[in-house]
Amino acid sequence: MRYAVPVTDGRVAAHFGHCQQFAFFDVDEARKEIVGKEIIASPGHEPGLLPIWLAEEGASVVIASGMGSRAQGLFRQNRIEVVIGALEGDPEKAVLNCIEGKLATGDNICDH
């Protein structure tokens, strides 16, 4: 499985579409551990671009603090699971907590 986390200044980005980079984590689900990590600059915020781009990058799960409903629908169309409202600021810890079923989530901070 490949997890994607939007990142700004090294932390989980508050707004998915306006992040600086994406942290990609390759995960061994059986062993519940990260086996690879890659940071890639965001291709930018353009309606409909990121779900397609992340699918092309092999993402199967996106962990975000906030994301608009249109983007969520596009991810579902691309068979990418979305975890919204992540409260963990460290991208790697967010992924580890998610695979262990311990990721704390709150409200989706994006309202569009």
N, C-alpha and C. Protein backbone atom coordinates (compact mmCIF):
# COMPACT_ATOMS: atom_id res chain seq x y z
N MET A 1 0.85 -1.18 0.00
CA MET A 1 0.00 0.00 0.00
C MET A 1 0.89 1.24 0.00
N ARG A 2 0.41 2.25 -0.68
CA ARG A 2 1.14 3.51 -0.72
C ARG A 2 0.24 4.62 -0.17
N TYR A 3 0.72 5.27 0.88
CA TYR A 3 0.01 6.36 1.52
C TYR A 3 0.60 7.68 1.04
N ALA A 4 -0.27 8.67 0.84
CA ALA A 4 0.17 10.01 0.46
C ALA A 4 -0.33 10.99 1.51
N VAL A 5 0.55 11.89 1.93
CA VAL A 5 0.20 12.89 2.94
C VAL A 5 0.62 14.26 2.42
N PRO A 6 -0.31 15.23 2.35
CA PRO A 6 0.07 16.58 1.93
C PRO A 6 0.88 17.25 3.04
N VAL A 7 1.98 17.89 2.65
CA VAL A 7 2.92 18.45 3.63
C VAL A 7 3.25 19.90 3.30
N THR A 8 3.28 20.73 4.35
CA THR A 8 3.75 22.11 4.27
C THR A 8 4.65 22.35 5.46
N ASP A 9 5.85 22.85 5.19
CA ASP A 9 6.84 23.11 6.24
C ASP A 9 7.08 21.88 7.12
N GLY A 10 7.09 20.70 6.50
CA GLY A 10 7.40 19.46 7.21
C GLY A 10 6.26 18.87 8.03
N ARG A 11 5.11 19.51 8.02
CA ARG A 11 3.95 19.06 8.82
C ARG A 11 2.79 18.72 7.89
N VAL A 12 1.84 17.92 8.40
CA VAL A 12 0.64 17.64 7.62
C VAL A 12 -0.02 18.97 7.30
N ALA A 13 -0.26 19.23 6.02
CA ALA A 13 -0.82 20.52 5.58
C ALA A 13 -2.25 20.67 6.05
N ALA A 14 -2.58 21.88 6.49
CA ALA A 14 -3.94 22.16 6.95
C ALA A 14 -4.93 22.10 5.79
N HIS A 15 -4.51 22.53 4.61
CA HIS A 15 -5.39 22.51 3.44
C HIS A 15 -4.74 21.68 2.36
N PHE A 16 -5.35 20.56 2.06
CA PHE A 16 -4.83 19.57 1.12
C PHE A 16 -4.34 20.18 -0.20
N GLY A 17 -5.17 20.96 -0.85
CA GLY A 17 -4.86 21.47 -2.18
C GLY A 17 -3.76 22.50 -2.24
N HIS A 18 -3.41 23.08 -1.11
CA HIS A 18 -2.40 24.15 -1.11
C HIS A 18 -1.09 23.72 -0.45
N CYS A 19 -0.82 22.42 -0.40
CA CYS A 19 0.40 21.94 0.24
C CYS A 19 1.61 22.21 -0.66
N GLN A 20 2.80 22.18 -0.05
CA GLN A 20 4.04 22.37 -0.79
C GLN A 20 4.52 21.07 -1.43
N GLN A 21 4.32 19.98 -0.72
CA GLN A 21 4.84 18.68 -1.13
C GLN A 21 3.86 17.58 -0.74
N PHE A 22 4.15 16.38 -1.25
CA PHE A 22 3.46 15.19 -0.79
C PHE A 22 4.51 14.22 -0.29
N ALA A 23 4.27 13.67 0.90
CA ALA A 23 5.11 12.61 1.43
C ALA A 23 4.42 11.30 1.08
N PHE A 24 5.15 10.43 0.40
CA PHE A 24 4.64 9.11 0.04
C PHE A 24 5.30 8.07 0.93
N PHE A 25 4.50 7.19 1.47
CA PHE A 25 5.00 6.14 2.35
C PHE A 25 4.55 4.79 1.80
N ASP A 26 5.51 3.93 1.51
CA ASP A 26 5.19 2.56 1.10
C ASP A 26 5.13 1.74 2.39
N VAL A 27 4.01 1.03 2.54
CA VAL A 27 3.72 0.35 3.80
C VAL A 27 3.54 -1.14 3.58
N ASP A 28 4.17 -1.92 4.45
CA ASP A 28 3.92 -3.36 4.52
C ASP A 28 2.78 -3.52 5.52
N GLU A 29 1.58 -3.72 5.00
CA GLU A 29 0.38 -3.78 5.86
C GLU A 29 0.43 -4.97 6.82
N ALA A 30 0.98 -6.10 6.38
CA ALA A 30 1.03 -7.29 7.23
C ALA A 30 1.92 -7.04 8.46
N ARG A 31 3.05 -6.38 8.23
CA ARG A 31 3.97 -6.11 9.34
C ARG A 31 3.70 -4.76 10.01
N LYS A 32 2.79 -3.98 9.40
CA LYS A 32 2.43 -2.66 9.92
C LYS A 32 3.65 -1.77 10.12
N GLU A 33 4.42 -1.66 9.02
CA GLU A 33 5.59 -0.80 9.08
C GLU A 33 5.83 -0.12 7.74
N ILE A 34 6.50 1.01 7.82
CA ILE A 34 6.86 1.77 6.63
C ILE A 34 8.14 1.17 6.05
N VAL A 35 8.11 0.86 4.76
CA VAL A 35 9.27 0.25 4.11
C VAL A 35 9.92 1.18 3.09
N GLY A 36 9.31 2.34 2.85
CA GLY A 36 9.88 3.31 1.93
C GLY A 36 9.23 4.66 2.10
N LYS A 37 9.99 5.72 1.80
CA LYS A 37 9.48 7.08 1.94
C LYS A 37 10.04 7.93 0.81
N GLU A 38 9.19 8.80 0.26
CA GLU A 38 9.61 9.69 -0.82
C GLU A 38 8.86 11.01 -0.67
N ILE A 39 9.55 12.12 -0.85
CA ILE A 39 8.94 13.45 -0.81
C ILE A 39 8.98 14.01 -2.23
N ILE A 40 7.80 14.42 -2.73
CA ILE A 40 7.70 14.96 -4.08
C ILE A 40 6.98 16.31 -4.03
N ALA A 41 7.50 17.29 -4.74
CA ALA A 41 6.85 18.60 -4.80
C ALA A 41 5.45 18.46 -5.38
N SER A 42 4.52 19.22 -4.82
CA SER A 42 3.15 19.22 -5.33
C SER A 42 3.13 19.81 -6.74
N PRO A 43 2.34 19.22 -7.63
CA PRO A 43 2.24 19.79 -8.97
C PRO A 43 1.39 21.06 -9.02
N GLY A 44 0.84 21.46 -7.88
CA GLY A 44 0.05 22.68 -7.82
C GLY A 44 -1.42 22.41 -7.58
N HIS A 45 -2.15 23.48 -7.35
CA HIS A 45 -3.58 23.37 -7.06
C HIS A 45 -4.37 23.76 -8.30
N GLU A 46 -4.95 22.76 -8.90
CA GLU A 46 -5.77 22.96 -10.09
C GLU A 46 -6.93 21.98 -9.97
N PRO A 47 -8.16 22.41 -10.12
CA PRO A 47 -9.30 21.51 -9.92
C PRO A 47 -9.16 20.19 -10.69
N GLY A 48 -9.27 19.10 -9.93
CA GLY A 48 -9.24 17.77 -10.51
C GLY A 48 -7.87 17.18 -10.77
N LEU A 49 -6.81 17.97 -10.64
CA LEU A 49 -5.46 17.50 -10.96
C LEU A 49 -4.91 16.52 -9.92
N LEU A 50 -4.99 16.86 -8.64
CA LEU A 50 -4.31 16.07 -7.63
C LEU A 50 -4.82 14.64 -7.50
N PRO A 51 -6.12 14.38 -7.56
CA PRO A 51 -6.55 12.98 -7.47
C PRO A 51 -5.98 12.12 -8.61
N ILE A 52 -5.93 12.66 -9.81
CA ILE A 52 -5.38 11.91 -10.94
C ILE A 52 -3.88 11.73 -10.77
N TRP A 53 -3.20 12.81 -10.39
CA TRP A 53 -1.75 12.76 -10.21
C TRP A 53 -1.37 11.76 -9.11
N LEU A 54 -2.09 11.79 -7.98
CA LEU A 54 -1.77 10.87 -6.89
C LEU A 54 -2.06 9.42 -7.28
N ALA A 55 -3.09 9.19 -8.08
CA ALA A 55 -3.37 7.84 -8.58
C ALA A 55 -2.20 7.38 -9.46
N GLU A 56 -1.70 8.27 -10.32
CA GLU A 56 -0.56 7.93 -11.17
C GLU A 56 0.69 7.65 -10.36
N GLU A 57 0.81 8.29 -9.19
CA GLU A 57 1.96 8.07 -8.30
C GLU A 57 1.79 6.80 -7.46
N GLY A 58 0.66 6.12 -7.62
CA GLY A 58 0.44 4.85 -6.94
C GLY A 58 -0.19 4.93 -5.57
N ALA A 59 -0.70 6.10 -5.20
CA ALA A 59 -1.31 6.24 -3.87
C ALA A 59 -2.58 5.40 -3.77
N SER A 60 -2.74 4.71 -2.64
CA SER A 60 -3.96 3.97 -2.39
C SER A 60 -4.75 4.57 -1.23
N VAL A 61 -4.07 5.38 -0.41
CA VAL A 61 -4.70 6.06 0.72
C VAL A 61 -4.12 7.47 0.83
N VAL A 62 -4.99 8.45 1.08
CA VAL A 62 -4.55 9.82 1.34
C VAL A 62 -4.98 10.17 2.76
N ILE A 63 -4.05 10.69 3.54
CA ILE A 63 -4.35 11.17 4.89
C ILE A 63 -4.24 12.68 4.85
N ALA A 64 -5.30 13.39 5.27
CA ALA A 64 -5.31 14.85 5.20
C ALA A 64 -6.04 15.44 6.39
N SER A 65 -5.71 16.69 6.71
CA SER A 65 -6.44 17.42 7.74
C SER A 65 -7.77 17.90 7.19
N GLY A 66 -7.71 18.54 6.01
CA GLY A 66 -8.92 19.06 5.40
C GLY A 66 -8.90 18.88 3.91
N MET A 67 -10.09 18.62 3.35
CA MET A 67 -10.21 18.42 1.91
C MET A 67 -11.65 18.70 1.49
N GLY A 68 -11.81 19.40 0.37
CA GLY A 68 -13.14 19.70 -0.15
C GLY A 68 -13.87 18.45 -0.62
N SER A 69 -15.19 18.53 -0.67
CA SER A 69 -16.01 17.38 -1.03
C SER A 69 -15.79 16.95 -2.49
N ARG A 70 -15.52 17.90 -3.38
CA ARG A 70 -15.28 17.53 -4.78
C ARG A 70 -14.04 16.67 -4.90
N ALA A 71 -12.96 17.05 -4.23
CA ALA A 71 -11.72 16.26 -4.26
C ALA A 71 -11.97 14.87 -3.67
N GLN A 72 -12.72 14.80 -2.58
CA GLN A 72 -13.02 13.49 -1.98
C GLN A 72 -13.72 12.58 -2.99
N GLY A 73 -14.69 13.14 -3.72
CA GLY A 73 -15.40 12.36 -4.73
C GLY A 73 -14.48 11.89 -5.85
N LEU A 74 -13.55 12.75 -6.26
CA LEU A 74 -12.59 12.38 -7.31
C LEU A 74 -11.65 11.27 -6.84
N PHE A 75 -11.28 11.32 -5.58
CA PHE A 75 -10.45 10.23 -5.05
C PHE A 75 -11.20 8.91 -5.06
N ARG A 76 -12.47 8.94 -4.66
CA ARG A 76 -13.27 7.71 -4.69
C ARG A 76 -13.35 7.17 -6.13
N GLN A 77 -13.51 8.05 -7.10
CA GLN A 77 -13.56 7.62 -8.51
C GLN A 77 -12.25 6.96 -8.94
N ASN A 78 -11.15 7.38 -8.33
CA ASN A 78 -9.83 6.82 -8.64
C ASN A 78 -9.44 5.68 -7.69
N ARG A 79 -10.41 5.19 -6.92
CA ARG A 79 -10.23 4.08 -5.98
C ARG A 79 -9.14 4.35 -4.94
N ILE A 80 -9.12 5.58 -4.47
CA ILE A 80 -8.17 5.97 -3.42
C ILE A 80 -8.97 6.28 -2.16
N GLU A 81 -8.62 5.61 -1.07
CA GLU A 81 -9.27 5.84 0.21
C GLU A 81 -8.81 7.19 0.77
N VAL A 82 -9.71 7.91 1.42
CA VAL A 82 -9.37 9.21 1.99
C VAL A 82 -9.65 9.18 3.50
N VAL A 83 -8.67 9.60 4.28
CA VAL A 83 -8.81 9.77 5.72
C VAL A 83 -8.74 11.27 5.98
N ILE A 84 -9.84 11.83 6.46
CA ILE A 84 -9.96 13.29 6.64
C ILE A 84 -9.95 13.65 8.13
N GLY A 85 -9.47 14.83 8.42
CA GLY A 85 -9.50 15.35 9.79
C GLY A 85 -8.35 14.87 10.65
N ALA A 86 -7.25 14.45 10.03
CA ALA A 86 -6.10 13.96 10.79
C ALA A 86 -5.60 15.04 11.74
N LEU A 87 -5.42 14.67 12.99
CA LEU A 87 -4.95 15.62 14.01
C LEU A 87 -3.44 15.54 14.21
N GLU A 88 -2.81 14.46 13.78
CA GLU A 88 -1.36 14.29 13.92
C GLU A 88 -0.65 15.20 12.93
N GLY A 89 0.33 15.96 13.40
CA GLY A 89 1.06 16.88 12.54
C GLY A 89 2.24 16.27 11.82
N ASP A 90 2.82 15.22 12.39
CA ASP A 90 3.97 14.57 11.78
C ASP A 90 3.48 13.56 10.74
N PRO A 91 3.86 13.74 9.46
CA PRO A 91 3.34 12.86 8.41
C PRO A 91 3.63 11.37 8.64
N GLU A 92 4.85 11.05 9.06
CA GLU A 92 5.20 9.65 9.28
C GLU A 92 4.41 9.05 10.44
N LYS A 93 4.27 9.80 11.52
CA LYS A 93 3.48 9.32 12.65
C LYS A 93 2.01 9.15 12.26
N ALA A 94 1.51 10.04 11.40
CA ALA A 94 0.13 9.93 10.94
C ALA A 94 -0.09 8.60 10.22
N VAL A 95 0.85 8.24 9.36
CA VAL A 95 0.73 6.98 8.63
C VAL A 95 0.84 5.79 9.58
N LEU A 96 1.83 5.82 10.47
CA LEU A 96 1.98 4.72 11.43
C LEU A 96 0.73 4.57 12.29
N ASN A 97 0.20 5.69 12.77
CA ASN A 97 -1.02 5.63 13.58
C ASN A 97 -2.19 5.09 12.77
N CYS A 98 -2.27 5.46 11.51
CA CYS A 98 -3.35 5.01 10.64
C CYS A 98 -3.29 3.50 10.44
N ILE A 99 -2.12 2.96 10.14
CA ILE A 99 -2.02 1.52 9.88
C ILE A 99 -2.22 0.70 11.16
N GLU A 100 -2.02 1.35 12.29
CA GLU A 100 -2.27 0.67 13.57
C GLU A 100 -3.69 0.90 14.08
N GLY A 101 -4.49 1.67 13.31
CA GLY A 101 -5.86 1.94 13.71
C GLY A 101 -5.97 2.93 14.86
N LYS A 102 -4.94 3.76 15.03
CA LYS A 102 -4.89 4.69 16.16
C LYS A 102 -4.87 6.16 15.75
N LEU A 103 -5.09 6.47 14.49
CA LEU A 103 -5.01 7.86 14.05
C LEU A 103 -6.19 8.65 14.57
N ALA A 104 -5.90 9.67 15.35
CA ALA A 104 -6.95 10.56 15.88
C ALA A 104 -7.40 11.50 14.77
N THR A 105 -8.71 11.61 14.62
CA THR A 105 -9.27 12.51 13.62
C THR A 105 -10.30 13.42 14.26
N GLY A 106 -10.47 14.56 13.64
CA GLY A 106 -11.46 15.54 14.10
C GLY A 106 -12.29 15.97 12.91
N ASP A 107 -12.76 17.20 12.96
CA ASP A 107 -13.57 17.74 11.88
C ASP A 107 -12.72 18.01 10.64
N ASN A 108 -13.35 17.91 9.49
CA ASN A 108 -12.73 18.31 8.24
C ASN A 108 -12.64 19.83 8.27
N ILE A 109 -11.41 20.37 8.26
CA ILE A 109 -11.27 21.82 8.40
C ILE A 109 -11.49 22.58 7.09
N CYS A 110 -11.76 21.84 6.02
CA CYS A 110 -12.01 22.47 4.73
C CYS A 110 -13.52 22.48 4.49
N ASP A 111 -14.06 23.64 4.14
CA ASP A 111 -15.51 23.75 4.02
C ASP A 111 -15.99 24.00 2.59
N HIS A 112 -15.18 23.61 1.59
CA HIS A 112 -15.66 23.78 0.21
C HIS A 112 -15.50 22.48 -0.58
